[in-house]
Amino acid sequence: MGKVVVTLRVMPKSVKVDLDKVKEELRKVLEGTAIGAMGFKKVPIAFGLTSLEVTFIMPEQEGGTEPVEKAIAGLDDVLSVVPVGLTLV
């Protein structure tokens, strides 16, 4: 099996959500999945709302990123998770 570089856009529930706290929670969720470096980037969306994009490397697997997306979407301060990039390595 190969490896995949994944970029997910994580949308907070409101503008008041502490993205640094969400980032730490994401690290914990991805700890068992990511096999490569994780990168985080804050991306302004509109009207003061900022999303968090997380990029990491994971093994190519059946089901793709769906299990990771569901785990992240289950976090308290997360409204949605959308894959914005997948690249085979």
Protein backbone atom coordinates (compact mmCIF):
# COMPACT_ATOMS: atom_id res chain seq x y z
CA MET A 1 0.00 0.00 0.00
CA GLY A 2 1.06 3.57 -0.64
CA LYS A 3 0.82 6.75 1.35
CA VAL A 4 -1.54 9.67 0.93
CA VAL A 5 -1.03 13.34 1.77
CA VAL A 6 -4.38 14.58 3.06
CA THR A 7 -5.57 18.14 3.60
CA LEU A 8 -8.82 18.62 5.53
CA ARG A 9 -10.67 21.88 6.15
CA VAL A 10 -12.08 21.91 9.67
CA MET A 11 -14.84 24.46 10.24
CA PRO A 12 -15.51 25.62 13.81
CA LYS A 13 -19.04 25.97 15.15
CA SER A 14 -18.64 29.72 15.69
CA VAL A 15 -16.20 32.62 15.52
CA LYS A 16 -15.70 32.28 19.28
CA VAL A 17 -14.09 28.81 19.06
CA ASP A 18 -10.45 28.71 20.17
CA LEU A 19 -8.68 27.24 17.12
CA ASP A 20 -5.53 26.53 19.13
CA LYS A 21 -7.60 24.25 21.38
CA VAL A 22 -9.09 22.56 18.30
CA LYS A 23 -5.58 22.10 16.90
CA GLU A 24 -4.49 20.24 20.05
CA GLU A 25 -7.59 18.04 19.89
CA LEU A 26 -6.82 17.31 16.23
CA ARG A 27 -3.30 16.22 17.15
CA LYS A 28 -4.77 13.69 19.58
CA VAL A 29 -7.29 12.36 17.04
CA LEU A 30 -4.66 12.04 14.31
CA GLU A 31 -2.00 10.54 16.57
CA GLY A 32 -2.87 6.96 15.61
CA THR A 33 -3.62 7.73 11.95
CA ALA A 34 -0.94 10.11 10.74
CA ILE A 35 2.39 8.55 9.85
CA GLY A 36 3.94 11.79 8.66
CA ALA A 37 4.25 15.40 9.70
CA MET A 38 1.14 17.37 10.51
CA GLY A 39 0.77 20.96 9.43
CA PHE A 40 -1.89 23.42 10.46
CA LYS A 41 -2.96 26.63 8.74
CA LYS A 42 -5.63 29.14 9.72
CA VAL A 43 -7.67 30.26 6.70
CA PRO A 44 -9.99 33.28 6.88
CA ILE A 45 -13.43 32.46 5.44
CA ALA A 46 -15.82 35.40 5.94
CA PHE A 47 -17.23 37.74 8.58
CA GLY A 48 -14.55 36.88 11.14
CA LEU A 49 -14.90 33.11 10.69
CA THR A 50 -11.62 31.23 10.28
CA SER A 51 -11.20 27.58 9.36
CA LEU A 52 -8.31 25.34 10.25
CA GLU A 53 -6.65 23.32 7.49
CA VAL A 54 -4.70 20.29 8.64
CA THR A 55 -2.31 18.42 6.34
CA PHE A 56 -0.86 15.03 7.22
CA ILE A 57 0.36 11.78 5.70
CA MET A 58 -1.55 8.55 6.23
CA PRO A 59 -1.42 5.07 4.74
CA GLU A 60 -3.65 4.44 1.74
CA GLN A 61 -6.53 2.33 3.04
CA GLU A 62 -10.00 1.13 2.25
CA GLY A 63 -12.53 3.75 3.26
CA GLY A 64 -10.04 6.55 2.57
CA THR A 65 -10.28 9.48 4.93
CA GLU A 66 -13.86 8.83 6.07
CA PRO A 67 -12.96 7.32 9.48
CA VAL A 68 -10.66 10.29 10.23
CA GLU A 69 -13.28 12.79 9.06
CA LYS A 70 -15.92 11.21 11.33
CA ALA A 71 -13.57 11.28 14.33
CA ILE A 72 -12.78 14.96 13.77
CA ALA A 73 -16.43 15.86 13.13
CA GLY A 74 -17.23 14.34 16.54
CA LEU A 75 -15.18 16.98 18.37
CA ASP A 76 -17.29 19.46 20.36
CA ASP A 77 -16.20 22.67 18.62
CA VAL A 78 -16.20 21.31 15.05
CA LEU A 79 -19.09 22.05 12.69
CA SER A 80 -17.82 20.21 9.61
CA VAL A 81 -14.83 18.54 7.99
CA VAL A 82 -14.21 18.67 4.25
CA PRO A 83 -11.33 17.08 2.33
CA VAL A 84 -9.69 19.73 0.14
CA GLY A 85 -6.69 17.76 -1.06
CA LEU A 86 -5.55 14.16 -1.52
CA THR A 87 -2.27 13.23 -3.17
CA LEU A 88 -0.71 9.80 -3.52
CA VAL A 89 2.94 9.71 -2.52
